[in-house]
PDBML (XML) file of the C-alpha atoms, coordinates in Angstrom:
<?xml version="1.0" encoding="UTF-8" ?>
<PDBx:datablock datablockName="MODEL"
   xmlns:PDBx="http://pdbml.pdb.org/schema/pdbx-v50.xsd"
   xmlns:xsi="http://www.w3.org/2001/XMLSchema-instance"
   xsi:schemaLocation="http://pdbml.pdb.org/schema/pdbx-v50.xsd pdbx-v50.xsd">
   <PDBx:atom_siteCategory>
      <PDBx:atom_site id="1">
         <PDBx:B_iso_or_equiv>0.00</PDBx:B_iso_or_equiv>
         <PDBx:Cartn_x>-5.667</PDBx:Cartn_x>
         <PDBx:Cartn_y>0.806</PDBx:Cartn_y>
         <PDBx:Cartn_z>6.341</PDBx:Cartn_z>
         <PDBx:auth_asym_id>A</PDBx:auth_asym_id>
         <PDBx:auth_atom_id>CA</PDBx:auth_atom_id>
         <PDBx:auth_comp_id>GLU</PDBx:auth_comp_id>
         <PDBx:auth_seq_id>1</PDBx:auth_seq_id>
         <PDBx:group_PDB>ATOM</PDBx:group_PDB>
         <PDBx:label_alt_id xsi:nil="true" />
         <PDBx:label_asym_id>A</PDBx:label_asym_id>
         <PDBx:label_atom_id>CA</PDBx:label_atom_id>
         <PDBx:label_comp_id>GLU</PDBx:label_comp_id>
         <PDBx:label_entity_id>1</PDBx:label_entity_id>
         <PDBx:label_seq_id>1</PDBx:label_seq_id>
         <PDBx:occupancy>1.00</PDBx:occupancy>
         <PDBx:pdbx_PDB_model_num>1</PDBx:pdbx_PDB_model_num>
         <PDBx:type_symbol>C</PDBx:type_symbol>
      </PDBx:atom_site>
      <PDBx:atom_site id="2">
         <PDBx:B_iso_or_equiv>0.00</PDBx:B_iso_or_equiv>
         <PDBx:Cartn_x>-3.647</PDBx:Cartn_x>
         <PDBx:Cartn_y>3.156</PDBx:Cartn_y>
         <PDBx:Cartn_z>7.589</PDBx:Cartn_z>
         <PDBx:auth_asym_id>A</PDBx:auth_asym_id>
         <PDBx:auth_atom_id>CA</PDBx:auth_atom_id>
         <PDBx:auth_comp_id>ALA</PDBx:auth_comp_id>
         <PDBx:auth_seq_id>2</PDBx:auth_seq_id>
         <PDBx:group_PDB>ATOM</PDBx:group_PDB>
         <PDBx:label_alt_id xsi:nil="true" />
         <PDBx:label_asym_id>A</PDBx:label_asym_id>
         <PDBx:label_atom_id>CA</PDBx:label_atom_id>
         <PDBx:label_comp_id>ALA</PDBx:label_comp_id>
         <PDBx:label_entity_id>1</PDBx:label_entity_id>
         <PDBx:label_seq_id>2</PDBx:label_seq_id>
         <PDBx:occupancy>1.00</PDBx:occupancy>
         <PDBx:pdbx_PDB_model_num>1</PDBx:pdbx_PDB_model_num>
         <PDBx:type_symbol>C</PDBx:type_symbol>
      </PDBx:atom_site>
      <PDBx:atom_site id="3">
         <PDBx:B_iso_or_equiv>0.00</PDBx:B_iso_or_equiv>
         <PDBx:Cartn_x>-4.325</PDBx:Cartn_x>
         <PDBx:Cartn_y>6.576</PDBx:Cartn_y>
         <PDBx:Cartn_z>8.823</PDBx:Cartn_z>
         <PDBx:auth_asym_id>A</PDBx:auth_asym_id>
         <PDBx:auth_atom_id>CA</PDBx:auth_atom_id>
         <PDBx:auth_comp_id>ASP</PDBx:auth_comp_id>
         <PDBx:auth_seq_id>3</PDBx:auth_seq_id>
         <PDBx:group_PDB>ATOM</PDBx:group_PDB>
         <PDBx:label_alt_id xsi:nil="true" />
         <PDBx:label_asym_id>A</PDBx:label_asym_id>
         <PDBx:label_atom_id>CA</PDBx:label_atom_id>
         <PDBx:label_comp_id>ASP</PDBx:label_comp_id>
         <PDBx:label_entity_id>1</PDBx:label_entity_id>
         <PDBx:label_seq_id>3</PDBx:label_seq_id>
         <PDBx:occupancy>1.00</PDBx:occupancy>
         <PDBx:pdbx_PDB_model_num>1</PDBx:pdbx_PDB_model_num>
         <PDBx:type_symbol>C</PDBx:type_symbol>
      </PDBx:atom_site>
      <PDBx:atom_site id="4">
         <PDBx:B_iso_or_equiv>0.00</PDBx:B_iso_or_equiv>
         <PDBx:Cartn_x>-1.597</PDBx:Cartn_x>
         <PDBx:Cartn_y>8.974</PDBx:Cartn_y>
         <PDBx:Cartn_z>6.240</PDBx:Cartn_z>
         <PDBx:auth_asym_id>A</PDBx:auth_asym_id>
         <PDBx:auth_atom_id>CA</PDBx:auth_atom_id>
         <PDBx:auth_comp_id>VAL</PDBx:auth_comp_id>
         <PDBx:auth_seq_id>4</PDBx:auth_seq_id>
         <PDBx:group_PDB>ATOM</PDBx:group_PDB>
         <PDBx:label_alt_id xsi:nil="true" />
         <PDBx:label_asym_id>A</PDBx:label_asym_id>
         <PDBx:label_atom_id>CA</PDBx:label_atom_id>
         <PDBx:label_comp_id>VAL</PDBx:label_comp_id>
         <PDBx:label_entity_id>1</PDBx:label_entity_id>
         <PDBx:label_seq_id>4</PDBx:label_seq_id>
         <PDBx:occupancy>1.00</PDBx:occupancy>
         <PDBx:pdbx_PDB_model_num>1</PDBx:pdbx_PDB_model_num>
         <PDBx:type_symbol>C</PDBx:type_symbol>
      </PDBx:atom_site>
      <PDBx:atom_site id="5">
         <PDBx:B_iso_or_equiv>0.00</PDBx:B_iso_or_equiv>
         <PDBx:Cartn_x>-3.440</PDBx:Cartn_x>
         <PDBx:Cartn_y>12.197</PDBx:Cartn_y>
         <PDBx:Cartn_z>6.714</PDBx:Cartn_z>
         <PDBx:auth_asym_id>A</PDBx:auth_asym_id>
         <PDBx:auth_atom_id>CA</PDBx:auth_atom_id>
         <PDBx:auth_comp_id>SER</PDBx:auth_comp_id>
         <PDBx:auth_seq_id>5</PDBx:auth_seq_id>
         <PDBx:group_PDB>ATOM</PDBx:group_PDB>
         <PDBx:label_alt_id xsi:nil="true" />
         <PDBx:label_asym_id>A</PDBx:label_asym_id>
         <PDBx:label_atom_id>CA</PDBx:label_atom_id>
         <PDBx:label_comp_id>SER</PDBx:label_comp_id>
         <PDBx:label_entity_id>1</PDBx:label_entity_id>
         <PDBx:label_seq_id>5</PDBx:label_seq_id>
         <PDBx:occupancy>1.00</PDBx:occupancy>
         <PDBx:pdbx_PDB_model_num>1</PDBx:pdbx_PDB_model_num>
         <PDBx:type_symbol>C</PDBx:type_symbol>
      </PDBx:atom_site>
      <PDBx:atom_site id="6">
         <PDBx:B_iso_or_equiv>0.00</PDBx:B_iso_or_equiv>
         <PDBx:Cartn_x>-1.318</PDBx:Cartn_x>
         <PDBx:Cartn_y>15.270</PDBx:Cartn_y>
         <PDBx:Cartn_z>6.639</PDBx:Cartn_z>
         <PDBx:auth_asym_id>A</PDBx:auth_asym_id>
         <PDBx:auth_atom_id>CA</PDBx:auth_atom_id>
         <PDBx:auth_comp_id>GLY</PDBx:auth_comp_id>
         <PDBx:auth_seq_id>6</PDBx:auth_seq_id>
         <PDBx:group_PDB>ATOM</PDBx:group_PDB>
         <PDBx:label_alt_id xsi:nil="true" />
         <PDBx:label_asym_id>A</PDBx:label_asym_id>
         <PDBx:label_atom_id>CA</PDBx:label_atom_id>
         <PDBx:label_comp_id>GLY</PDBx:label_comp_id>
         <PDBx:label_entity_id>1</PDBx:label_entity_id>
         <PDBx:label_seq_id>6</PDBx:label_seq_id>
         <PDBx:occupancy>1.00</PDBx:occupancy>
         <PDBx:pdbx_PDB_model_num>1</PDBx:pdbx_PDB_model_num>
         <PDBx:type_symbol>C</PDBx:type_symbol>
      </PDBx:atom_site>
      <PDBx:atom_site id="7">
         <PDBx:B_iso_or_equiv>0.00</PDBx:B_iso_or_equiv>
         <PDBx:Cartn_x>1.286</PDBx:Cartn_x>
         <PDBx:Cartn_y>13.242</PDBx:Cartn_y>
         <PDBx:Cartn_z>4.931</PDBx:Cartn_z>
         <PDBx:auth_asym_id>A</PDBx:auth_asym_id>
         <PDBx:auth_atom_id>CA</PDBx:auth_atom_id>
         <PDBx:auth_comp_id>ILE</PDBx:auth_comp_id>
         <PDBx:auth_seq_id>7</PDBx:auth_seq_id>
         <PDBx:group_PDB>ATOM</PDBx:group_PDB>
         <PDBx:label_alt_id xsi:nil="true" />
         <PDBx:label_asym_id>A</PDBx:label_asym_id>
         <PDBx:label_atom_id>CA</PDBx:label_atom_id>
         <PDBx:label_comp_id>ILE</PDBx:label_comp_id>
         <PDBx:label_entity_id>1</PDBx:label_entity_id>
         <PDBx:label_seq_id>7</PDBx:label_seq_id>
         <PDBx:occupancy>1.00</PDBx:occupancy>
         <PDBx:pdbx_PDB_model_num>1</PDBx:pdbx_PDB_model_num>
         <PDBx:type_symbol>C</PDBx:type_symbol>
      </PDBx:atom_site>
      <PDBx:atom_site id="8">
         <PDBx:B_iso_or_equiv>0.00</PDBx:B_iso_or_equiv>
         <PDBx:Cartn_x>2.125</PDBx:Cartn_x>
         <PDBx:Cartn_y>14.363</PDBx:Cartn_y>
         <PDBx:Cartn_z>1.246</PDBx:Cartn_z>
         <PDBx:auth_asym_id>A</PDBx:auth_asym_id>
         <PDBx:auth_atom_id>CA</PDBx:auth_atom_id>
         <PDBx:auth_comp_id>ALA</PDBx:auth_comp_id>
         <PDBx:auth_seq_id>8</PDBx:auth_seq_id>
         <PDBx:group_PDB>ATOM</PDBx:group_PDB>
         <PDBx:label_alt_id xsi:nil="true" />
         <PDBx:label_asym_id>A</PDBx:label_asym_id>
         <PDBx:label_atom_id>CA</PDBx:label_atom_id>
         <PDBx:label_comp_id>ALA</PDBx:label_comp_id>
         <PDBx:label_entity_id>1</PDBx:label_entity_id>
         <PDBx:label_seq_id>8</PDBx:label_seq_id>
         <PDBx:occupancy>1.00</PDBx:occupancy>
         <PDBx:pdbx_PDB_model_num>1</PDBx:pdbx_PDB_model_num>
         <PDBx:type_symbol>C</PDBx:type_symbol>
      </PDBx:atom_site>
      <PDBx:atom_site id="9">
         <PDBx:B_iso_or_equiv>0.00</PDBx:B_iso_or_equiv>
         <PDBx:Cartn_x>3.020</PDBx:Cartn_x>
         <PDBx:Cartn_y>11.841</PDBx:Cartn_y>
         <PDBx:Cartn_z>-1.261</PDBx:Cartn_z>
         <PDBx:auth_asym_id>A</PDBx:auth_asym_id>
         <PDBx:auth_atom_id>CA</PDBx:auth_atom_id>
         <PDBx:auth_comp_id>GLY</PDBx:auth_comp_id>
         <PDBx:auth_seq_id>9</PDBx:auth_seq_id>
         <PDBx:group_PDB>ATOM</PDBx:group_PDB>
         <PDBx:label_alt_id xsi:nil="true" />
         <PDBx:label_asym_id>A</PDBx:label_asym_id>
         <PDBx:label_atom_id>CA</PDBx:label_atom_id>
         <PDBx:label_comp_id>GLY</PDBx:label_comp_id>
         <PDBx:label_entity_id>1</PDBx:label_entity_id>
         <PDBx:label_seq_id>9</PDBx:label_seq_id>
         <PDBx:occupancy>1.00</PDBx:occupancy>
         <PDBx:pdbx_PDB_model_num>1</PDBx:pdbx_PDB_model_num>
         <PDBx:type_symbol>C</PDBx:type_symbol>
      </PDBx:atom_site>
      <PDBx:atom_site id="10">
         <PDBx:B_iso_or_equiv>0.00</PDBx:B_iso_or_equiv>
         <PDBx:Cartn_x>1.428</PDBx:Cartn_x>
         <PDBx:Cartn_y>8.667</PDBx:Cartn_y>
         <PDBx:Cartn_z>1.095</PDBx:Cartn_z>
         <PDBx:auth_asym_id>A</PDBx:auth_asym_id>
         <PDBx:auth_atom_id>CA</PDBx:auth_atom_id>
         <PDBx:auth_comp_id>ALA</PDBx:auth_comp_id>
         <PDBx:auth_seq_id>10</PDBx:auth_seq_id>
         <PDBx:group_PDB>ATOM</PDBx:group_PDB>
         <PDBx:label_alt_id xsi:nil="true" />
         <PDBx:label_asym_id>A</PDBx:label_asym_id>
         <PDBx:label_atom_id>CA</PDBx:label_atom_id>
         <PDBx:label_comp_id>ALA</PDBx:label_comp_id>
         <PDBx:label_entity_id>1</PDBx:label_entity_id>
         <PDBx:label_seq_id>10</PDBx:label_seq_id>
         <PDBx:occupancy>1.00</PDBx:occupancy>
         <PDBx:pdbx_PDB_model_num>1</PDBx:pdbx_PDB_model_num>
         <PDBx:type_symbol>C</PDBx:type_symbol>
      </PDBx:atom_site>
      <PDBx:atom_site id="11">
         <PDBx:B_iso_or_equiv>0.00</PDBx:B_iso_or_equiv>
         <PDBx:Cartn_x>-1.516</PDBx:Cartn_x>
         <PDBx:Cartn_y>6.218</PDBx:Cartn_y>
         <PDBx:Cartn_z>-0.434</PDBx:Cartn_z>
         <PDBx:auth_asym_id>A</PDBx:auth_asym_id>
         <PDBx:auth_atom_id>CA</PDBx:auth_atom_id>
         <PDBx:auth_comp_id>ARG</PDBx:auth_comp_id>
         <PDBx:auth_seq_id>11</PDBx:auth_seq_id>
         <PDBx:group_PDB>ATOM</PDBx:group_PDB>
         <PDBx:label_alt_id xsi:nil="true" />
         <PDBx:label_asym_id>A</PDBx:label_asym_id>
         <PDBx:label_atom_id>CA</PDBx:label_atom_id>
         <PDBx:label_comp_id>ARG</PDBx:label_comp_id>
         <PDBx:label_entity_id>1</PDBx:label_entity_id>
         <PDBx:label_seq_id>11</PDBx:label_seq_id>
         <PDBx:occupancy>1.00</PDBx:occupancy>
         <PDBx:pdbx_PDB_model_num>1</PDBx:pdbx_PDB_model_num>
         <PDBx:type_symbol>C</PDBx:type_symbol>
      </PDBx:atom_site>
      <PDBx:atom_site id="12">
         <PDBx:B_iso_or_equiv>0.00</PDBx:B_iso_or_equiv>
         <PDBx:Cartn_x>-2.311</PDBx:Cartn_x>
         <PDBx:Cartn_y>3.089</PDBx:Cartn_y>
         <PDBx:Cartn_z>1.121</PDBx:Cartn_z>
         <PDBx:auth_asym_id>A</PDBx:auth_asym_id>
         <PDBx:auth_atom_id>CA</PDBx:auth_atom_id>
         <PDBx:auth_comp_id>VAL</PDBx:auth_comp_id>
         <PDBx:auth_seq_id>12</PDBx:auth_seq_id>
         <PDBx:group_PDB>ATOM</PDBx:group_PDB>
         <PDBx:label_alt_id xsi:nil="true" />
         <PDBx:label_asym_id>A</PDBx:label_asym_id>
         <PDBx:label_atom_id>CA</PDBx:label_atom_id>
         <PDBx:label_comp_id>VAL</PDBx:label_comp_id>
         <PDBx:label_entity_id>1</PDBx:label_entity_id>
         <PDBx:label_seq_id>12</PDBx:label_seq_id>
         <PDBx:occupancy>1.00</PDBx:occupancy>
         <PDBx:pdbx_PDB_model_num>1</PDBx:pdbx_PDB_model_num>
         <PDBx:type_symbol>C</PDBx:type_symbol>
      </PDBx:atom_site>
      <PDBx:atom_site id="13">
         <PDBx:B_iso_or_equiv>0.00</PDBx:B_iso_or_equiv>
         <PDBx:Cartn_x>-2.734</PDBx:Cartn_x>
         <PDBx:Cartn_y>-0.466</PDBx:Cartn_y>
         <PDBx:Cartn_z>-1.218</PDBx:Cartn_z>
         <PDBx:auth_asym_id>A</PDBx:auth_asym_id>
         <PDBx:auth_atom_id>CA</PDBx:auth_atom_id>
         <PDBx:auth_comp_id>VAL</PDBx:auth_comp_id>
         <PDBx:auth_seq_id>13</PDBx:auth_seq_id>
         <PDBx:group_PDB>ATOM</PDBx:group_PDB>
         <PDBx:label_alt_id xsi:nil="true" />
         <PDBx:label_asym_id>A</PDBx:label_asym_id>
         <PDBx:label_atom_id>CA</PDBx:label_atom_id>
         <PDBx:label_comp_id>VAL</PDBx:label_comp_id>
         <PDBx:label_entity_id>1</PDBx:label_entity_id>
         <PDBx:label_seq_id>13</PDBx:label_seq_id>
         <PDBx:occupancy>1.00</PDBx:occupancy>
         <PDBx:pdbx_PDB_model_num>1</PDBx:pdbx_PDB_model_num>
         <PDBx:type_symbol>C</PDBx:type_symbol>
      </PDBx:atom_site>
      <PDBx:atom_site id="14">
         <PDBx:B_iso_or_equiv>0.00</PDBx:B_iso_or_equiv>
         <PDBx:Cartn_x>-4.550</PDBx:Cartn_x>
         <PDBx:Cartn_y>-3.748</PDBx:Cartn_y>
         <PDBx:Cartn_z>0.124</PDBx:Cartn_z>
         <PDBx:auth_asym_id>A</PDBx:auth_asym_id>
         <PDBx:auth_atom_id>CA</PDBx:auth_atom_id>
         <PDBx:auth_comp_id>ALA</PDBx:auth_comp_id>
         <PDBx:auth_seq_id>14</PDBx:auth_seq_id>
         <PDBx:group_PDB>ATOM</PDBx:group_PDB>
         <PDBx:label_alt_id xsi:nil="true" />
         <PDBx:label_asym_id>A</PDBx:label_asym_id>
         <PDBx:label_atom_id>CA</PDBx:label_atom_id>
         <PDBx:label_comp_id>ALA</PDBx:label_comp_id>
         <PDBx:label_entity_id>1</PDBx:label_entity_id>
         <PDBx:label_seq_id>14</PDBx:label_seq_id>
         <PDBx:occupancy>1.00</PDBx:occupancy>
         <PDBx:pdbx_PDB_model_num>1</PDBx:pdbx_PDB_model_num>
         <PDBx:type_symbol>C</PDBx:type_symbol>
      </PDBx:atom_site>
      <PDBx:atom_site id="15">
         <PDBx:B_iso_or_equiv>0.00</PDBx:B_iso_or_equiv>
         <PDBx:Cartn_x>-2.543</PDBx:Cartn_x>
         <PDBx:Cartn_y>-5.896</PDBx:Cartn_y>
         <PDBx:Cartn_z>-0.866</PDBx:Cartn_z>
         <PDBx:auth_asym_id>A</PDBx:auth_asym_id>
         <PDBx:auth_atom_id>CA</PDBx:auth_atom_id>
         <PDBx:auth_comp_id>ALA</PDBx:auth_comp_id>
         <PDBx:auth_seq_id>15</PDBx:auth_seq_id>
         <PDBx:group_PDB>ATOM</PDBx:group_PDB>
         <PDBx:label_alt_id xsi:nil="true" />
         <PDBx:label_asym_id>A</PDBx:label_asym_id>
         <PDBx:label_atom_id>CA</PDBx:label_atom_id>
         <PDBx:label_comp_id>ALA</PDBx:label_comp_id>
         <PDBx:label_entity_id>1</PDBx:label_entity_id>
         <PDBx:label_seq_id>15</PDBx:label_seq_id>
         <PDBx:occupancy>1.00</PDBx:occupancy>
         <PDBx:pdbx_PDB_model_num>1</PDBx:pdbx_PDB_model_num>
         <PDBx:type_symbol>C</PDBx:type_symbol>
      </PDBx:atom_site>
      <PDBx:atom_site id="16">
         <PDBx:B_iso_or_equiv>0.00</PDBx:B_iso_or_equiv>
         <PDBx:Cartn_x>-0.475</PDBx:Cartn_x>
         <PDBx:Cartn_y>-9.855</PDBx:Cartn_y>
         <PDBx:Cartn_z>0.901</PDBx:Cartn_z>
         <PDBx:auth_asym_id>A</PDBx:auth_asym_id>
         <PDBx:auth_atom_id>CA</PDBx:auth_atom_id>
         <PDBx:auth_comp_id>ASP</PDBx:auth_comp_id>
         <PDBx:auth_seq_id>16</PDBx:auth_seq_id>
         <PDBx:group_PDB>ATOM</PDBx:group_PDB>
         <PDBx:label_alt_id xsi:nil="true" />
         <PDBx:label_asym_id>A</PDBx:label_asym_id>
         <PDBx:label_atom_id>CA</PDBx:label_atom_id>
         <PDBx:label_comp_id>ASP</PDBx:label_comp_id>
         <PDBx:label_entity_id>1</PDBx:label_entity_id>
         <PDBx:label_seq_id>16</PDBx:label_seq_id>
         <PDBx:occupancy>1.00</PDBx:occupancy>
         <PDBx:pdbx_PDB_model_num>1</PDBx:pdbx_PDB_model_num>
         <PDBx:type_symbol>C</PDBx:type_symbol>
      </PDBx:atom_site>
      <PDBx:atom_site id="17">
         <PDBx:B_iso_or_equiv>0.00</PDBx:B_iso_or_equiv>
         <PDBx:Cartn_x>3.420</PDBx:Cartn_x>
         <PDBx:Cartn_y>-9.027</PDBx:Cartn_y>
         <PDBx:Cartn_z>0.629</PDBx:Cartn_z>
         <PDBx:auth_asym_id>A</PDBx:auth_asym_id>
         <PDBx:auth_atom_id>CA</PDBx:auth_atom_id>
         <PDBx:auth_comp_id>VAL</PDBx:auth_comp_id>
         <PDBx:auth_seq_id>17</PDBx:auth_seq_id>
         <PDBx:group_PDB>ATOM</PDBx:group_PDB>
         <PDBx:label_alt_id xsi:nil="true" />
         <PDBx:label_asym_id>A</PDBx:label_asym_id>
         <PDBx:label_atom_id>CA</PDBx:label_atom_id>
         <PDBx:label_comp_id>VAL</PDBx:label_comp_id>
         <PDBx:label_entity_id>1</PDBx:label_entity_id>
         <PDBx:label_seq_id>17</PDBx:label_seq_id>
         <PDBx:occupancy>1.00</PDBx:occupancy>
         <PDBx:pdbx_PDB_model_num>1</PDBx:pdbx_PDB_model_num>
         <PDBx:type_symbol>C</PDBx:type_symbol>
      </PDBx:atom_site>
      <PDBx:atom_site id="18">
         <PDBx:B_iso_or_equiv>0.00</PDBx:B_iso_or_equiv>
         <PDBx:Cartn_x>3.662</PDBx:Cartn_x>
         <PDBx:Cartn_y>-12.164</PDBx:Cartn_y>
         <PDBx:Cartn_z>0.436</PDBx:Cartn_z>
         <PDBx:auth_asym_id>A</PDBx:auth_asym_id>
         <PDBx:auth_atom_id>CA</PDBx:auth_atom_id>
         <PDBx:auth_comp_id>THR</PDBx:auth_comp_id>
         <PDBx:auth_seq_id>18</PDBx:auth_seq_id>
         <PDBx:group_PDB>ATOM</PDBx:group_PDB>
         <PDBx:label_alt_id xsi:nil="true" />
         <PDBx:label_asym_id>A</PDBx:label_asym_id>
         <PDBx:label_atom_id>CA</PDBx:label_atom_id>
         <PDBx:label_comp_id>THR</PDBx:label_comp_id>
         <PDBx:label_entity_id>1</PDBx:label_entity_id>
         <PDBx:label_seq_id>18</PDBx:label_seq_id>
         <PDBx:occupancy>1.00</PDBx:occupancy>
         <PDBx:pdbx_PDB_model_num>1</PDBx:pdbx_PDB_model_num>
         <PDBx:type_symbol>C</PDBx:type_symbol>
      </PDBx:atom_site>
      <PDBx:atom_site id="19">
         <PDBx:B_iso_or_equiv>0.00</PDBx:B_iso_or_equiv>
         <PDBx:Cartn_x>1.537</PDBx:Cartn_x>
         <PDBx:Cartn_y>-12.970</PDBx:Cartn_y>
         <PDBx:Cartn_z>-3.144</PDBx:Cartn_z>
         <PDBx:auth_asym_id>A</PDBx:auth_asym_id>
         <PDBx:auth_atom_id>CA</PDBx:auth_atom_id>
         <PDBx:auth_comp_id>ASP</PDBx:auth_comp_id>
         <PDBx:auth_seq_id>19</PDBx:auth_seq_id>
         <PDBx:group_PDB>ATOM</PDBx:group_PDB>
         <PDBx:label_alt_id xsi:nil="true" />
         <PDBx:label_asym_id>A</PDBx:label_asym_id>
         <PDBx:label_atom_id>CA</PDBx:label_atom_id>
         <PDBx:label_comp_id>ASP</PDBx:label_comp_id>
         <PDBx:label_entity_id>1</PDBx:label_entity_id>
         <PDBx:label_seq_id>19</PDBx:label_seq_id>
         <PDBx:occupancy>1.00</PDBx:occupancy>
         <PDBx:pdbx_PDB_model_num>1</PDBx:pdbx_PDB_model_num>
         <PDBx:type_symbol>C</PDBx:type_symbol>
      </PDBx:atom_site>
      <PDBx:atom_site id="20">
         <PDBx:B_iso_or_equiv>0.00</PDBx:B_iso_or_equiv>
         <PDBx:Cartn_x>4.626</PDBx:Cartn_x>
         <PDBx:Cartn_y>-12.073</PDBx:Cartn_y>
         <PDBx:Cartn_z>-6.183</PDBx:Cartn_z>
         <PDBx:auth_asym_id>A</PDBx:auth_asym_id>
         <PDBx:auth_atom_id>CA</PDBx:auth_atom_id>
         <PDBx:auth_comp_id>ALA</PDBx:auth_comp_id>
         <PDBx:auth_seq_id>20</PDBx:auth_seq_id>
         <PDBx:group_PDB>ATOM</PDBx:group_PDB>
         <PDBx:label_alt_id xsi:nil="true" />
         <PDBx:label_asym_id>A</PDBx:label_asym_id>
         <PDBx:label_atom_id>CA</PDBx:label_atom_id>
         <PDBx:label_comp_id>ALA</PDBx:label_comp_id>
         <PDBx:label_entity_id>1</PDBx:label_entity_id>
         <PDBx:label_seq_id>20</PDBx:label_seq_id>
         <PDBx:occupancy>1.00</PDBx:occupancy>
         <PDBx:pdbx_PDB_model_num>1</PDBx:pdbx_PDB_model_num>
         <PDBx:type_symbol>C</PDBx:type_symbol>
      </PDBx:atom_site>
      <PDBx:atom_site id="21">
         <PDBx:B_iso_or_equiv>0.00</PDBx:B_iso_or_equiv>
         <PDBx:Cartn_x>1.970</PDBx:Cartn_x>
         <PDBx:Cartn_y>-10.941</PDBx:Cartn_y>
         <PDBx:Cartn_z>-8.491</PDBx:Cartn_z>
         <PDBx:auth_asym_id>A</PDBx:auth_asym_id>
         <PDBx:auth_atom_id>CA</PDBx:auth_atom_id>
         <PDBx:auth_comp_id>ASP</PDBx:auth_comp_id>
         <PDBx:auth_seq_id>21</PDBx:auth_seq_id>
         <PDBx:group_PDB>ATOM</PDBx:group_PDB>
         <PDBx:label_alt_id xsi:nil="true" />
         <PDBx:label_asym_id>A</PDBx:label_asym_id>
         <PDBx:label_atom_id>CA</PDBx:label_atom_id>
         <PDBx:label_comp_id>ASP</PDBx:label_comp_id>
         <PDBx:label_entity_id>1</PDBx:label_entity_id>
         <PDBx:label_seq_id>21</PDBx:label_seq_id>
         <PDBx:occupancy>1.00</PDBx:occupancy>
         <PDBx:pdbx_PDB_model_num>1</PDBx:pdbx_PDB_model_num>
         <PDBx:type_symbol>C</PDBx:type_symbol>
      </PDBx:atom_site>
      <PDBx:atom_site id="22">
         <PDBx:B_iso_or_equiv>0.00</PDBx:B_iso_or_equiv>
         <PDBx:Cartn_x>0.507</PDBx:Cartn_x>
         <PDBx:Cartn_y>-8.102</PDBx:Cartn_y>
         <PDBx:Cartn_z>-6.245</PDBx:Cartn_z>
         <PDBx:auth_asym_id>A</PDBx:auth_asym_id>
         <PDBx:auth_atom_id>CA</PDBx:auth_atom_id>
         <PDBx:auth_comp_id>ALA</PDBx:auth_comp_id>
         <PDBx:auth_seq_id>22</PDBx:auth_seq_id>
         <PDBx:group_PDB>ATOM</PDBx:group_PDB>
         <PDBx:label_alt_id xsi:nil="true" />
         <PDBx:label_asym_id>A</PDBx:label_asym_id>
         <PDBx:label_atom_id>CA</PDBx:label_atom_id>
         <PDBx:label_comp_id>ALA</PDBx:label_comp_id>
         <PDBx:label_entity_id>1</PDBx:label_entity_id>
         <PDBx:label_seq_id>22</PDBx:label_seq_id>
         <PDBx:occupancy>1.00</PDBx:occupancy>
         <PDBx:pdbx_PDB_model_num>1</PDBx:pdbx_PDB_model_num>
         <PDBx:type_symbol>C</PDBx:type_symbol>
      </PDBx:atom_site>
      <PDBx:atom_site id="23">
         <PDBx:B_iso_or_equiv>0.00</PDBx:B_iso_or_equiv>
         <PDBx:Cartn_x>3.657</PDBx:Cartn_x>
         <PDBx:Cartn_y>-7.158</PDBx:Cartn_y>
         <PDBx:Cartn_z>-5.286</PDBx:Cartn_z>
         <PDBx:auth_asym_id>A</PDBx:auth_asym_id>
         <PDBx:auth_atom_id>CA</PDBx:auth_atom_id>
         <PDBx:auth_comp_id>VAL</PDBx:auth_comp_id>
         <PDBx:auth_seq_id>23</PDBx:auth_seq_id>
         <PDBx:group_PDB>ATOM</PDBx:group_PDB>
         <PDBx:label_alt_id xsi:nil="true" />
         <PDBx:label_asym_id>A</PDBx:label_asym_id>
         <PDBx:label_atom_id>CA</PDBx:label_atom_id>
         <PDBx:label_comp_id>VAL</PDBx:label_comp_id>
         <PDBx:label_entity_id>1</PDBx:label_entity_id>
         <PDBx:label_seq_id>23</PDBx:label_seq_id>
         <PDBx:occupancy>1.00</PDBx:occupancy>
         <PDBx:pdbx_PDB_model_num>1</PDBx:pdbx_PDB_model_num>
         <PDBx:type_symbol>C</PDBx:type_symbol>
      </PDBx:atom_site>
      <PDBx:atom_site id="24">
         <PDBx:B_iso_or_equiv>0.00</PDBx:B_iso_or_equiv>
         <PDBx:Cartn_x>4.792</PDBx:Cartn_x>
         <PDBx:Cartn_y>-6.698</PDBx:Cartn_y>
         <PDBx:Cartn_z>-9.368</PDBx:Cartn_z>
         <PDBx:auth_asym_id>A</PDBx:auth_asym_id>
         <PDBx:auth_atom_id>CA</PDBx:auth_atom_id>
         <PDBx:auth_comp_id>SER</PDBx:auth_comp_id>
         <PDBx:auth_seq_id>24</PDBx:auth_seq_id>
         <PDBx:group_PDB>ATOM</PDBx:group_PDB>
         <PDBx:label_alt_id xsi:nil="true" />
         <PDBx:label_asym_id>A</PDBx:label_asym_id>
         <PDBx:label_atom_id>CA</PDBx:label_atom_id>
         <PDBx:label_comp_id>SER</PDBx:label_comp_id>
         <PDBx:label_entity_id>1</PDBx:label_entity_id>
         <PDBx:label_seq_id>24</PDBx:label_seq_id>
         <PDBx:occupancy>1.00</PDBx:occupancy>
         <PDBx:pdbx_PDB_model_num>1</PDBx:pdbx_PDB_model_num>
         <PDBx:type_symbol>C</PDBx:type_symbol>
      </PDBx:atom_site>
      <PDBx:atom_site id="25">
         <PDBx:B_iso_or_equiv>0.00</PDBx:B_iso_or_equiv>
         <PDBx:Cartn_x>2.094</PDBx:Cartn_x>
         <PDBx:Cartn_y>-5.302</PDBx:Cartn_y>
         <PDBx:Cartn_z>-10.332</PDBx:Cartn_z>
         <PDBx:auth_asym_id>A</PDBx:auth_asym_id>
         <PDBx:auth_atom_id>CA</PDBx:auth_atom_id>
         <PDBx:auth_comp_id>ALA</PDBx:auth_comp_id>
         <PDBx:auth_seq_id>25</PDBx:auth_seq_id>
         <PDBx:group_PDB>ATOM</PDBx:group_PDB>
         <PDBx:label_alt_id xsi:nil="true" />
         <PDBx:label_asym_id>A</PDBx:label_asym_id>
         <PDBx:label_atom_id>CA</PDBx:label_atom_id>
         <PDBx:label_comp_id>ALA</PDBx:label_comp_id>
         <PDBx:label_entity_id>1</PDBx:label_entity_id>
         <PDBx:label_seq_id>25</PDBx:label_seq_id>
         <PDBx:occupancy>1.00</PDBx:occupancy>
         <PDBx:pdbx_PDB_model_num>1</PDBx:pdbx_PDB_model_num>
         <PDBx:type_symbol>C</PDBx:type_symbol>
      </PDBx:atom_site>
   </PDBx:atom_siteCategory>
</PDBx:datablock>
């Protein structure tokens, strides 16, 4: 969850930074 309205080229991804598999993907 994050408000990225008005930020060109920005997207939000739901994942846990401590999850090595998710970060690798």
